[in-house]
PDB file of all heavy atoms in Angstrom:
ATOM      1  N   THR A   1       0.844  -1.207  -0.032  1.00  0.00           N
ATOM      2  CA  THR A   1       0.007   0.004   0.003  1.00  0.00           C
ATOM      3  C   THR A   1       0.874   1.277   0.014  1.00  0.00           C
ATOM      4  O   THR A   1       1.796   1.397   0.782  1.00  0.00           O
ATOM      5  CB  THR A   1      -0.928   0.006   1.232  1.00  0.00           C
ATOM      6  OG1 THR A   1      -1.660  -1.203   1.223  1.00  0.00           O
ATOM      7  CG2 THR A   1      -1.822   1.230   1.203  1.00  0.00           C
ATOM      8  N   PHE A   2       0.544   2.168  -0.871  1.00  0.00           N
ATOM      9  CA  PHE A   2       1.298   3.440  -0.985  1.00  0.00           C
ATOM     10  C   PHE A   2       0.942   4.310   0.212  1.00  0.00           C
ATOM     11  O   PHE A   2      -0.245   4.507   0.586  1.00  0.00           O
ATOM     12  CB  PHE A   2       0.965   4.165  -2.272  1.00  0.00           C
ATOM     13  CG  PHE A   2       1.514   5.490  -2.394  1.00  0.00           C
ATOM     14  CD1 PHE A   2       2.849   5.780  -2.539  1.00  0.00           C
ATOM     15  CD2 PHE A   2       0.639   6.637  -2.307  1.00  0.00           C
ATOM     16  CE1 PHE A   2       3.355   7.035  -2.659  1.00  0.00           C
ATOM     17  CE2 PHE A   2       1.125   7.951  -2.362  1.00  0.00           C
ATOM     18  CZ  PHE A   2       2.500   8.126  -2.531  1.00  0.00           C
ATOM     19  N   GLU A   3       1.962   4.909   0.832  1.00  0.00           N
ATOM     20  CA  GLU A   3       1.765   5.851   1.954  1.00  0.00           C
ATOM     21  C   GLU A   3       2.311   7.197   1.555  1.00  0.00           C
ATOM     22  O   GLU A   3       3.495   7.336   1.278  1.00  0.00           O
ATOM     23  CB  GLU A   3       2.407   5.323   3.226  1.00  0.00           C
ATOM     24  CG  GLU A   3       2.218   6.161   4.430  1.00  0.00           C
ATOM     25  CD  GLU A   3       2.875   5.639   5.710  1.00  0.00           C
ATOM     26  OE1 GLU A   3       3.432   4.508   5.556  1.00  0.00           O
ATOM     27  OE2 GLU A   3       2.747   6.309   6.695  1.00  0.00           O
ATOM     28  N   LEU A   4       1.438   8.194   1.601  1.00  0.00           N
ATOM     29  CA  LEU A   4       1.856   9.551   1.231  1.00  0.00           C
ATOM     30  C   LEU A   4       2.399  10.230   2.450  1.00  0.00           C
ATOM     31  O   LEU A   4       1.631  10.476   3.413  1.00  0.00           O
ATOM     32  CB  LEU A   4       0.675  10.303   0.693  1.00  0.00           C
ATOM     33  CG  LEU A   4       0.965  11.735   0.148  1.00  0.00           C
ATOM     34  CD1 LEU A   4       1.934  11.684  -1.056  1.00  0.00           C
ATOM     35  CD2 LEU A   4      -0.365  12.449  -0.250  1.00  0.00           C
ATOM     36  N   THR A   5       3.699  10.523   2.467  1.00  0.00           N
ATOM     37  CA  THR A   5       4.322  11.178   3.628  1.00  0.00           C
ATOM     38  C   THR A   5       4.835  12.559   3.247  1.00  0.00           C
ATOM     39  O   THR A   5       4.968  12.859   2.092  1.00  0.00           O
ATOM     40  CB  THR A   5       5.503  10.314   4.121  1.00  0.00           C
ATOM     41  OG1 THR A   5       6.502  10.221   3.116  1.00  0.00           O
ATOM     42  CG2 THR A   5       5.071   8.891   4.506  1.00  0.00           C
ATOM     43  N   LYS A   6       5.154  13.348   4.278  1.00  0.00           N
ATOM     44  CA  LYS A   6       5.665  14.658   4.035  1.00  0.00           C
ATOM     45  C   LYS A   6       7.003  14.592   3.328  1.00  0.00           C
ATOM     46  O   LYS A   6       7.337  15.397   2.402  1.00  0.00           O
ATOM     47  CB  LYS A   6       5.825  15.387   5.367  1.00  0.00           C
ATOM     48  CG  LYS A   6       6.287  16.837   5.235  1.00  0.00           C
ATOM     49  CD  LYS A   6       6.405  17.455   6.621  1.00  0.00           C
ATOM     50  CE  LYS A   6       6.913  18.903   6.529  1.00  0.00           C
ATOM     51  NZ  LYS A   6       7.017  19.579   7.840  1.00  0.00           N
ATOM     52  N   GLU A   7       7.821  13.597   3.723  1.00  0.00           N
ATOM     53  CA  GLU A   7       9.152  13.436   3.071  1.00  0.00           C
ATOM     54  C   GLU A   7       9.024  13.094   1.583  1.00  0.00           C
ATOM     55  O   GLU A   7       9.795  13.624   0.751  1.00  0.00           O
ATOM     56  CB  GLU A   7       9.940  12.333   3.827  1.00  0.00           C
ATOM     57  CG  GLU A   7      10.375  12.670   5.200  1.00  0.00           C
ATOM     58  CD  GLU A   7       9.199  12.617   6.219  1.00  0.00           C
ATOM     59  OE1 GLU A   7       8.178  12.006   5.878  1.00  0.00           O
ATOM     60  OE2 GLU A   7       9.379  13.172   7.310  1.00  0.00           O
ATOM     61  N   TYR A   8       7.997  12.252   1.270  1.00  0.00           N
ATOM     62  CA  TYR A   8       7.795  11.817  -0.133  1.00  0.00           C
ATOM     63  C   TYR A   8       7.428  13.099  -0.953  1.00  0.00           C
ATOM     64  O   TYR A   8       7.897  13.304  -2.073  1.00  0.00           O
ATOM     65  CB  TYR A   8       6.716  10.763  -0.211  1.00  0.00           C
ATOM     66  CG  TYR A   8       6.558  10.206  -1.625  1.00  0.00           C
ATOM     67  CD1 TYR A   8       7.337   9.182  -2.087  1.00  0.00           C
ATOM     68  CD2 TYR A   8       5.584  10.717  -2.433  1.00  0.00           C
ATOM     69  CE1 TYR A   8       7.181   8.653  -3.384  1.00  0.00           C
ATOM     70  CE2 TYR A   8       5.365  10.285  -3.730  1.00  0.00           C
ATOM     71  CZ  TYR A   8       6.265   9.227  -4.189  1.00  0.00           C
ATOM     72  OH  TYR A   8       6.054   8.719  -5.443  1.00  0.00           O
ATOM     73  N   VAL A   9       6.499  13.913  -0.415  1.00  0.00           N
ATOM     74  CA  VAL A   9       6.053  15.068  -1.105  1.00  0.00           C
ATOM     75  C   VAL A   9       7.173  16.022  -1.353  1.00  0.00           C
ATOM     76  O   VAL A   9       7.330  16.579  -2.459  1.00  0.00           O
ATOM     77  CB  VAL A   9       4.872  15.785  -0.335  1.00  0.00           C
ATOM     78  CG1 VAL A   9       4.548  17.094  -0.974  1.00  0.00           C
ATOM     79  CG2 VAL A   9       3.676  14.899  -0.288  1.00  0.00           C
ATOM     80  N   GLU A  10       8.036  16.236  -0.353  1.00  0.00           N
ATOM     81  CA  GLU A  10       9.191  17.113  -0.496  1.00  0.00           C
ATOM     82  C   GLU A  10      10.162  16.607  -1.535  1.00  0.00           C
ATOM     83  O   GLU A  10      10.735  17.408  -2.278  1.00  0.00           O
ATOM     84  CB  GLU A  10       9.864  17.275   0.879  1.00  0.00           C
ATOM     85  CG  GLU A  10       9.062  18.053   1.886  1.00  0.00           C
ATOM     86  CD  GLU A  10       9.713  18.107   3.254  1.00  0.00           C
ATOM     87  OE1 GLU A  10      10.690  17.306   3.475  1.00  0.00           O
ATOM     88  OE2 GLU A  10       9.255  18.849   4.133  1.00  0.00           O
ATOM     89  N   ASN A  11      10.325  15.295  -1.614  1.00  0.00           N
ATOM     90  CA  ASN A  11      11.216  14.691  -2.586  1.00  0.00           C
ATOM     91  C   ASN A  11      10.710  14.933  -3.989  1.00  0.00           C
ATOM     92  O   ASN A  11      11.470  15.343  -4.912  1.00  0.00           O
ATOM     93  CB  ASN A  11      11.312  13.176  -2.355  1.00  0.00           C
ATOM     94  CG  ASN A  11      12.222  12.525  -3.365  1.00  0.00           C
ATOM     95  OD1 ASN A  11      13.321  12.938  -3.670  1.00  0.00           O
ATOM     96  ND2 ASN A  11      11.710  11.424  -3.938  1.00  0.00           N
ATOM     97  N   ILE A  12       9.380  14.812  -4.198  1.00  0.00           N
ATOM     98  CA  ILE A  12       8.793  15.022  -5.505  1.00  0.00           C
ATOM     99  C   ILE A  12       8.905  16.498  -5.892  1.00  0.00           C
ATOM    100  O   ILE A  12       9.176  16.834  -7.020  1.00  0.00           O
ATOM    101  CB  ILE A  12       7.287  14.576  -5.558  1.00  0.00           C
ATOM    102  CG1 ILE A  12       7.198  13.045  -5.308  1.00  0.00           C
ATOM    103  CG2 ILE A  12       6.607  14.970  -6.860  1.00  0.00           C
ATOM    104  CD1 ILE A  12       7.835  12.242  -6.404  1.00  0.00           C
ATOM    105  N   GLN A  13       8.642  17.369  -4.913  1.00  0.00           N
ATOM    106  CA  GLN A  13       8.762  18.827  -5.179  1.00  0.00           C
ATOM    107  C   GLN A  13      10.206  19.159  -5.567  1.00  0.00           C
ATOM    108  O   GLN A  13      10.352  20.036  -6.478  1.00  0.00           O
ATOM    109  CB  GLN A  13       8.379  19.605  -3.906  1.00  0.00           C
ATOM    110  CG  GLN A  13       6.899  19.568  -3.632  1.00  0.00           C
ATOM    111  CD  GLN A  13       6.537  20.259  -2.316  1.00  0.00           C
ATOM    112  OE1 GLN A  13       7.374  20.239  -1.329  1.00  0.00           O
ATOM    113  NE2 GLN A  13       5.368  20.837  -2.182  1.00  0.00           N
ATOM    114  N   GLU A  14      11.166  18.516  -5.010  1.00  0.00           N
ATOM    115  CA  GLU A  14      12.541  18.805  -5.418  1.00  0.00           C
ATOM    116  C   GLU A  14      12.821  18.288  -6.827  1.00  0.00           C
ATOM    117  O   GLU A  14      13.487  19.014  -7.626  1.00  0.00           O
ATOM    118  CB  GLU A  14      13.497  18.060  -4.419  1.00  0.00           C
ATOM    119  CG  GLU A  14      14.957  18.390  -4.673  1.00  0.00           C
ATOM    120  CD  GLU A  14      15.934  17.687  -3.673  1.00  0.00           C
ATOM    121  OE1 GLU A  14      15.406  17.215  -2.608  1.00  0.00           O
ATOM    122  OE2 GLU A  14      17.141  17.583  -3.929  1.00  0.00           O
ATOM    123  N   LEU A  15      12.314  17.136  -7.167  1.00  0.00           N
ATOM    124  CA  LEU A  15      12.463  16.660  -8.513  1.00  0.00           C
ATOM    125  C   LEU A  15      11.796  17.532  -9.583  1.00  0.00           C
ATOM    126  O   LEU A  15      12.296  17.778 -10.674  1.00  0.00           O
ATOM    127  CB  LEU A  15      11.862  15.228  -8.666  1.00  0.00           C
ATOM    128  CG  LEU A  15      12.605  14.120  -7.829  1.00  0.00           C
ATOM    129  CD1 LEU A  15      11.836  12.789  -8.004  1.00  0.00           C
ATOM    130  CD2 LEU A  15      14.019  13.964  -8.276  1.00  0.00           C
ATOM    131  N   ILE A  16      10.646  18.105  -9.171  1.00  0.00           N
ATOM    132  CA  ILE A  16       9.954  18.982 -10.082  1.00  0.00           C
ATOM    133  C   ILE A  16      10.727  20.285 -10.252  1.00  0.00           C
ATOM    134  O   ILE A  16      10.835  20.830 -11.340  1.00  0.00           O
ATOM    135  CB  ILE A  16       8.535  19.288  -9.536  1.00  0.00           C
ATOM    136  CG1 ILE A  16       7.640  18.051  -9.614  1.00  0.00           C
ATOM    137  CG2 ILE A  16       7.848  20.424 -10.317  1.00  0.00           C
ATOM    138  CD1 ILE A  16       6.290  18.173  -8.954  1.00  0.00           C
ATOM    139  N   ALA A  17      11.263  20.788  -9.158  1.00  0.00           N
ATOM    140  CA  ALA A  17      12.054  22.029  -9.184  1.00  0.00           C
ATOM    141  C   ALA A  17      13.273  21.860 -10.108  1.00  0.00           C
ATOM    142  O   ALA A  17      13.637  22.789 -10.823  1.00  0.00           O
ATOM    143  CB  ALA A  17      12.514  22.426  -7.769  1.00  0.00           C
ATOM    144  N   ASN A  18      13.822  20.612 -10.137  1.00  0.00           N
ATOM    145  CA  ASN A  18      14.982  20.327 -10.999  1.00  0.00           C
ATOM    146  C   ASN A  18      14.536  19.887 -12.390  1.00  0.00           C
ATOM    147  O   ASN A  18      15.438  19.646 -13.259  1.00  0.00           O
ATOM    148  CB  ASN A  18      15.852  19.259 -10.335  1.00  0.00           C
ATOM    149  CG  ASN A  18      16.480  19.669  -9.037  1.00  0.00           C
ATOM    150  OD1 ASN A  18      16.737  20.886  -8.875  1.00  0.00           O
ATOM    151  ND2 ASN A  18      16.670  18.728  -8.141  1.00  0.00           N
ATOM    152  N   GLU A  19      13.195  19.830 -12.578  1.00  0.00           N
ATOM    153  CA  GLU A  19      12.638  19.375 -13.866  1.00  0.00           C
ATOM    154  C   GLU A  19      13.287  18.030 -14.326  1.00  0.00           C
ATOM    155  O   GLU A  19      13.600  17.803 -15.482  1.00  0.00           O
ATOM    156  CB  GLU A  19      12.850  20.438 -14.967  1.00  0.00           C
ATOM    157  CG  GLU A  19      12.132  21.735 -14.652  1.00  0.00           C
ATOM    158  CD  GLU A  19      12.144  22.733 -15.775  1.00  0.00           C
ATOM    159  OE1 GLU A  19      12.755  22.414 -16.823  1.00  0.00           O
ATOM    160  OE2 GLU A  19      11.536  23.790 -15.653  1.00  0.00           O
ATOM    161  N   ASP A  20      13.395  17.115 -13.356  1.00  0.00           N
ATOM    162  CA  ASP A  20      13.970  15.790 -13.627  1.00  0.00           C
ATOM    163  C   ASP A  20      12.893  14.850 -14.030  1.00  0.00           C
ATOM    164  O   ASP A  20      12.319  14.075 -13.240  1.00  0.00           O
ATOM    165  CB  ASP A  20      14.666  15.276 -12.336  1.00  0.00           C
ATOM    166  CG  ASP A  20      15.571  14.100 -12.607  1.00  0.00           C
ATOM    167  OD1 ASP A  20      15.416  13.464 -13.640  1.00  0.00           O
ATOM    168  OD2 ASP A  20      16.405  13.766 -11.721  1.00  0.00           O
ATOM    169  N   SER A  21      12.514  14.905 -15.323  1.00  0.00           N
ATOM    170  CA  SER A  21      11.350  14.182 -15.820  1.00  0.00           C
ATOM    171  C   SER A  21      11.592  12.653 -15.662  1.00  0.00           C
ATOM    172  O   SER A  21      10.654  11.913 -15.305  1.00  0.00           O
ATOM    173  CB  SER A  21      11.150  14.494 -17.272  1.00  0.00           C
ATOM    174  OG  SER A  21      10.837  15.865 -17.459  1.00  0.00           O
ATOM    175  N   ALA A  22      12.793  12.216 -15.941  1.00  0.00           N
ATOM    176  CA  ALA A  22      13.087  10.725 -15.898  1.00  0.00           C
ATOM    177  C   ALA A  22      12.851  10.181 -14.417  1.00  0.00           C
ATOM    178  O   ALA A  22      12.219   9.155 -14.293  1.00  0.00           O
ATOM    179  CB  ALA A  22      14.480  10.453 -16.317  1.00  0.00           C
ATOM    180  N   ALA A  23      13.360  10.946 -13.462  1.00  0.00           N
ATOM    181  CA  ALA A  23      13.184  10.539 -12.048  1.00  0.00           C
ATOM    182  C   ALA A  23      11.724  10.575 -11.608  1.00  0.00           C
ATOM    183  O   ALA A  23      11.271   9.718 -10.916  1.00  0.00           O
ATOM    184  CB  ALA A  23      14.039  11.402 -11.167  1.00  0.00           C
ATOM    185  N   ILE A  24      11.031  11.586 -12.113  1.00  0.00           N
ATOM    186  CA  ILE A  24       9.595  11.675 -11.733  1.00  0.00           C
ATOM    187  C   ILE A  24       8.847  10.516 -12.309  1.00  0.00           C
ATOM    188  O   ILE A  24       7.987   9.894 -11.662  1.00  0.00           O
ATOM    189  CB  ILE A  24       9.011  13.014 -12.207  1.00  0.00           C
ATOM    190  CG1 ILE A  24       9.618  14.217 -11.466  1.00  0.00           C
ATOM    191  CG2 ILE A  24       7.479  12.992 -12.130  1.00  0.00           C
ATOM    192  CD1 ILE A  24       9.250  15.575 -12.005  1.00  0.00           C
ATOM    193  N   GLN A  25       9.094  10.198 -13.557  1.00  0.00           N
ATOM    194  CA  GLN A  25       8.352   9.090 -14.227  1.00  0.00           C
ATOM    195  C   GLN A  25       8.698   7.760 -13.512  1.00  0.00           C
ATOM    196  O   GLN A  25       7.847   6.869 -13.343  1.00  0.00           O
ATOM    197  CB  GLN A  25       8.752   9.005 -15.678  1.00  0.00           C
ATOM    198  CG  GLN A  25       8.186  10.163 -16.459  1.00  0.00           C
ATOM    199  CD  GLN A  25       8.758  10.263 -17.858  1.00  0.00           C
ATOM    200  OE1 GLN A  25       9.623   9.566 -18.228  1.00  0.00           O
ATOM    201  NE2 GLN A  25       8.338  11.269 -18.624  1.00  0.00           N
ATOM    202  N   ALA A  26       9.934   7.614 -13.064  1.00  0.00           N
ATOM    203  CA  ALA A  26      10.360   6.402 -12.352  1.00  0.00           C
ATOM    204  C   ALA A  26       9.583   6.312 -10.965  1.00  0.00           C
ATOM    205  O   ALA A  26       9.207   5.206 -10.606  1.00  0.00           O
ATOM    206  CB  ALA A  26      11.834   6.378 -12.116  1.00  0.00           C
ATOM    207  N   GLN A  27       9.438   7.403 -10.301  1.00  0.00           N
ATOM    208  CA  GLN A  27       8.743   7.435  -9.022  1.00  0.00           C
ATOM    209  C   GLN A  27       7.258   7.133  -9.267  1.00  0.00           C
ATOM    210  O   GLN A  27       6.631   6.425  -8.377  1.00  0.00           O
ATOM    211  CB  GLN A  27       8.868   8.826  -8.420  1.00  0.00           C
ATOM    212  CG  GLN A  27      10.236   9.160  -7.860  1.00  0.00           C
ATOM    213  CD  GLN A  27      10.491   8.547  -6.509  1.00  0.00           C
ATOM    214  OE1 GLN A  27       9.606   7.989  -5.874  1.00  0.00           O
ATOM    215  NE2 GLN A  27      11.713   8.538  -6.059  1.00  0.00           N
ATOM    216  N   MET A  28       6.685   7.604 -10.330  1.00  0.00           N
ATOM    217  CA  MET A  28       5.233   7.362 -10.538  1.00  0.00           C
ATOM    218  C   MET A  28       4.901   5.995 -11.175  1.00  0.00           C
ATOM    219  O   MET A  28       3.705   5.627 -11.140  1.00  0.00           O
ATOM    220  CB  MET A  28       4.678   8.488 -11.533  1.00  0.00           C
ATOM    221  CG  MET A  28       4.850   9.893 -11.039  1.00  0.00           C
ATOM    222  SD  MET A  28       3.940  10.258  -9.495  1.00  0.00           S
ATOM    223  CE  MET A  28       5.308  10.360  -8.360  1.00  0.00           C
ATOM    224  N   GLU A  29       5.923   5.297 -11.607  1.00  0.00           N
ATOM    225  CA  GLU A  29       5.662   4.114 -12.395  1.00  0.00           C
ATOM    226  C   GLU A  29       4.927   3.049 -11.629  1.00  0.00           C
ATOM    227  O   GLU A  29       4.004   2.403 -12.158  1.00  0.00           O
ATOM    228  CB  GLU A  29       7.028   3.502 -12.849  1.00  0.00           C
ATOM    229  CG  GLU A  29       6.872   2.386 -13.839  1.00  0.00           C
ATOM    230  CD  GLU A  29       8.219   1.893 -14.405  1.00  0.00           C
ATOM    231  OE1 GLU A  29       9.219   2.552 -14.089  1.00  0.00           O
ATOM    232  OE2 GLU A  29       8.176   0.881 -15.084  1.00  0.00           O
ATOM    233  N   GLY A  30       5.161   2.801 -10.366  1.00  0.00           N
ATOM    234  CA  GLY A  30       4.493   1.814  -9.585  1.00  0.00           C
ATOM    235  C   GLY A  30       3.266   2.289  -8.880  1.00  0.00           C
ATOM    236  O   GLY A  30       2.660   1.475  -8.105  1.00  0.00           O
ATOM    237  N   LEU A  31       2.776   3.460  -9.126  1.00  0.00           N
ATOM    238  CA  LEU A  31       1.602   4.012  -8.404  1.00  0.00           C
ATOM    239  C   LEU A  31       0.353   3.918  -9.172  1.00  0.00           C
ATOM    240  O   LEU A  31       0.363   3.978 -10.426  1.00  0.00           O
ATOM    241  CB  LEU A  31       1.863   5.512  -8.014  1.00  0.00           C
ATOM    242  CG  LEU A  31       3.097   5.778  -7.113  1.00  0.00           C
ATOM    243  CD1 LEU A  31       3.130   7.292  -6.808  1.00  0.00           C
ATOM    244  CD2 LEU A  31       3.110   5.009  -5.804  1.00  0.00           C
ATOM    245  N   PHE A  32      -0.771   3.778  -8.486  1.00  0.00           N
ATOM    246  CA  PHE A  32      -2.050   3.819  -9.158  1.00  0.00           C
ATOM    247  C   PHE A  32      -2.459   5.286  -9.336  1.00  0.00           C
ATOM    248  O   PHE A  32      -1.901   6.145  -8.624  1.00  0.00           O
ATOM    249  CB  PHE A  32      -3.106   3.085  -8.227  1.00  0.00           C
ATOM    250  CG  PHE A  32      -2.938   1.627  -8.188  1.00  0.00           C
ATOM    251  CD1 PHE A  32      -2.396   1.034  -7.035  1.00  0.00           C
ATOM    252  CD2 PHE A  32      -3.401   0.812  -9.240  1.00  0.00           C
ATOM    253  CE1 PHE A  32      -2.226  -0.346  -7.028  1.00  0.00           C
ATOM    254  CE2 PHE A  32      -3.188  -0.573  -9.206  1.00  0.00           C
ATOM    255  CZ  PHE A  32      -2.669  -1.143  -8.022  1.00  0.00           C
ATOM    256  N   ALA A  33      -3.345   5.537 -10.207  1.00  0.00           N
ATOM    257  CA  ALA A  33      -3.811   6.843 -10.461  1.00  0.00           C
ATOM    258  C   ALA A  33      -4.379   7.544  -9.163  1.00  0.00           C
ATOM    259  O   ALA A  33      -4.168   8.689  -8.949  1.00  0.00           O
ATOM    260  CB  ALA A  33      -4.871   6.906 -11.601  1.00  0.00           C
ATOM    261  N   ALA A  34      -5.096   6.744  -8.361  1.00  0.00           N
ATOM    262  CA  ALA A  34      -5.646   7.283  -7.117  1.00  0.00           C
ATOM    263  C   ALA A  34      -4.583   7.756  -6.184  1.00  0.00           C
ATOM    264  O   ALA A  34      -4.732   8.742  -5.437  1.00  0.00           O
ATOM    265  CB  ALA A  34      -6.536   6.215  -6.463  1.00  0.00           C
ATOM    266  N   ASP A  35      -3.418   7.031  -6.147  1.00  0.00           N
ATOM    267  CA  ASP A  35      -2.295   7.430  -5.282  1.00  0.00           C
ATOM    268  C   ASP A  35      -1.729   8.768  -5.767  1.00  0.00           C
ATOM    269  O   ASP A  35      -1.392   9.671  -4.938  1.00  0.00           O
ATOM    270  CB  ASP A  35      -1.189   6.362  -5.300  1.00  0.00           C
ATOM    271  CG  ASP A  35      -1.685   5.039  -4.748  1.00  0.00           C
ATOM    272  OD1 ASP A  35      -2.553   5.060  -3.891  1.00  0.00           O
ATOM    273  OD2 ASP A  35      -1.217   3.972  -5.226  1.00  0.00           O
ATOM    274  N   ILE A  36      -1.612   8.948  -7.065  1.00  0.00           N
ATOM    275  CA  ILE A  36      -1.064  10.156  -7.701  1.00  0.00           C
ATOM    276  C   ILE A  36      -2.021  11.313  -7.460  1.00  0.00           C
ATOM    277  O   ILE A  36      -1.602  12.475  -7.251  1.00  0.00           O
ATOM    278  CB  ILE A  36      -0.736   9.965  -9.146  1.00  0.00           C
ATOM    279  CG1 ILE A  36       0.217   8.790  -9.366  1.00  0.00           C
ATOM    280  CG2 ILE A  36      -0.115  11.247  -9.736  1.00  0.00           C
ATOM    281  CD1 ILE A  36       0.470   8.496 -10.812  1.00  0.00           C
ATOM    282  N   THR A  37      -3.289  11.048  -7.450  1.00  0.00           N
ATOM    283  CA  THR A  37      -4.307  12.065  -7.172  1.00  0.00           C
ATOM    284  C   THR A  37      -4.103  12.670  -5.826  1.00  0.00           C
ATOM    285  O   THR A  37      -4.176  13.850  -5.576  1.00  0.00           O
ATOM    286  CB  THR A  37      -5.729  11.497  -7.259  1.00  0.00           C
ATOM    287  OG1 THR A  37      -5.917  10.951  -8.609  1.00  0.00           O
ATOM    288  CG2 THR A  37      -6.772  12.563  -7.068  1.00  0.00           C
ATOM    289  N   GLY A  38      -3.855  11.758  -4.808  1.00  0.00           N
ATOM    290  CA  GLY A  38      -3.581  12.292  -3.429  1.00  0.00           C
ATOM    291  C   GLY A  38      -2.371  13.105  -3.367  1.00  0.00           C
ATOM    292  O   GLY A  38      -2.285  14.118  -2.655  1.00  0.00           O
ATOM    293  N   LEU A  39      -1.288  12.676  -4.175  1.00  0.00           N
ATOM    294  CA  LEU A  39      -0.040  13.440  -4.234  1.00  0.00           C
ATOM    295  C   LEU A  39      -0.283  14.854  -4.777  1.00  0.00           C
ATOM    296  O   LEU A  39       0.216  15.870  -4.240  1.00  0.00           O
ATOM    297  CB  LEU A  39       0.971  12.693  -4.990  1.00  0.00           C
ATOM    298  CG  LEU A  39       2.280  13.407  -5.352  1.00  0.00           C
ATOM    299  CD1 LEU A  39       3.017  13.773  -4.049  1.00  0.00           C
ATOM    300  CD2 LEU A  39       3.162  12.547  -6.258  1.00  0.00           C
ATOM    301  N   ILE A  40      -1.060  14.922  -5.852  1.00  0.00           N
ATOM    302  CA  ILE A  40      -1.263  16.162  -6.585  1.00  0.00           C
ATOM    303  C   ILE A  40      -1.982  17.174  -5.665  1.00  0.00           C
ATOM    304  O   ILE A  40      -1.727  18.385  -5.744  1.00  0.00           O
ATOM    305  CB  ILE A  40      -2.077  15.916  -7.889  1.00  0.00           C
ATOM    306  CG1 ILE A  40      -1.098  15.359  -8.961  1.00  0.00           C
ATOM    307  CG2 ILE A  40      -2.751  17.203  -8.398  1.00  0.00           C
ATOM    308  CD1 ILE A  40      -1.777  15.040 -10.260  1.00  0.00           C
ATOM    309  N   SER A  41      -2.870  16.705  -4.824  1.00  0.00           N
ATOM    310  CA  SER A  41      -3.565  17.609  -3.969  1.00  0.00           C
ATOM    311  C   SER A  41      -2.689  18.281  -2.940  1.00  0.00           C
ATOM    312  O   SER A  41      -3.053  19.331  -2.319  1.00  0.00           O
ATOM    313  CB  SER A  41      -4.710  16.828  -3.186  1.00  0.00           C
ATOM    314  OG  SER A  41      -4.118  15.862  -2.320  1.00  0.00           O
ATOM    315  N   GLU A  42      -1.462  17.684  -2.735  1.00  0.00           N
ATOM    316  CA  GLU A  42      -0.487  18.277  -1.807  1.00  0.00           C
ATOM    317  C   GLU A  42       0.484  19.244  -2.485  1.00  0.00           C
ATOM    318  O   GLU A  42       1.292  19.912  -1.820  1.00  0.00           O
ATOM    319  CB  GLU A  42       0.286  17.173  -1.120  1.00  0.00           C
ATOM    320  CG  GLU A  42      -0.523  16.197  -0.317  1.00  0.00           C
ATOM    321  CD  GLU A  42      -1.235  16.883   0.866  1.00  0.00           C
ATOM    322  OE1 GLU A  42      -0.675  17.821   1.431  1.00  0.00           O
ATOM    323  OE2 GLU A  42      -2.415  16.448   1.176  1.00  0.00           O
ATOM    324  N   LEU A  43       0.456  19.254  -3.809  1.00  0.00           N
ATOM    325  CA  LEU A  43       1.370  20.180  -4.575  1.00  0.00           C
ATOM    326  C   LEU A  43       0.657  21.446  -5.020  1.00  0.00           C
ATOM    327  O   LEU A  43      -0.606  21.514  -5.039  1.00  0.00           O
ATOM    328  CB  LEU A  43       1.840  19.417  -5.819  1.00  0.00           C
ATOM    329  CG  LEU A  43       2.560  18.084  -5.572  1.00  0.00           C
ATOM    330  CD1 LEU A  43       2.848  17.429  -6.910  1.00  0.00           C
ATOM    331  CD2 LEU A  43       3.827  18.294  -4.818  1.00  0.00           C
ATOM    332  N   GLY A  44       1.401  22.443  -5.249  1.00  0.00           N
ATOM    333  CA  GLY A  44       0.844  23.679  -5.825  1.00  0.00           C
ATOM    334  C   GLY A  44       0.407  23.442  -7.265  1.00  0.00           C
ATOM    335  O   GLY A  44       0.777  22.442  -7.899  1.00  0.00           O
ATOM    336  N   THR A  45      -0.352  24.348  -7.819  1.00  0.00           N
ATOM    337  CA  THR A  45      -0.940  24.173  -9.146  1.00  0.00           C
ATOM    338  C   THR A  45       0.151  23.976 -10.177  1.00  0.00           C
ATOM    339  O   THR A  45       0.074  23.069 -11.029  1.00  0.00           O
ATOM    340  CB  THR A  45      -1.828  25.350  -9.496  1.00  0.00           C
ATOM    341  OG1 THR A  45      -2.894  25.478  -8.566  1.00  0.00           O
ATOM    342  CG2 THR A  45      -2.439  25.192 -10.893  1.00  0.00           C
TER     343      THR A  45
END
């Protein structure tokens, strides 16, 4: 089961800031769409 933590969100935000598309896609690869939906709600627009 995927667990959305503060550390995970901060890690994704750092990857986005660096525009590291490959790393982001690797992180998202094993997640369900519902898991990513929860993550998106924690990010800015």
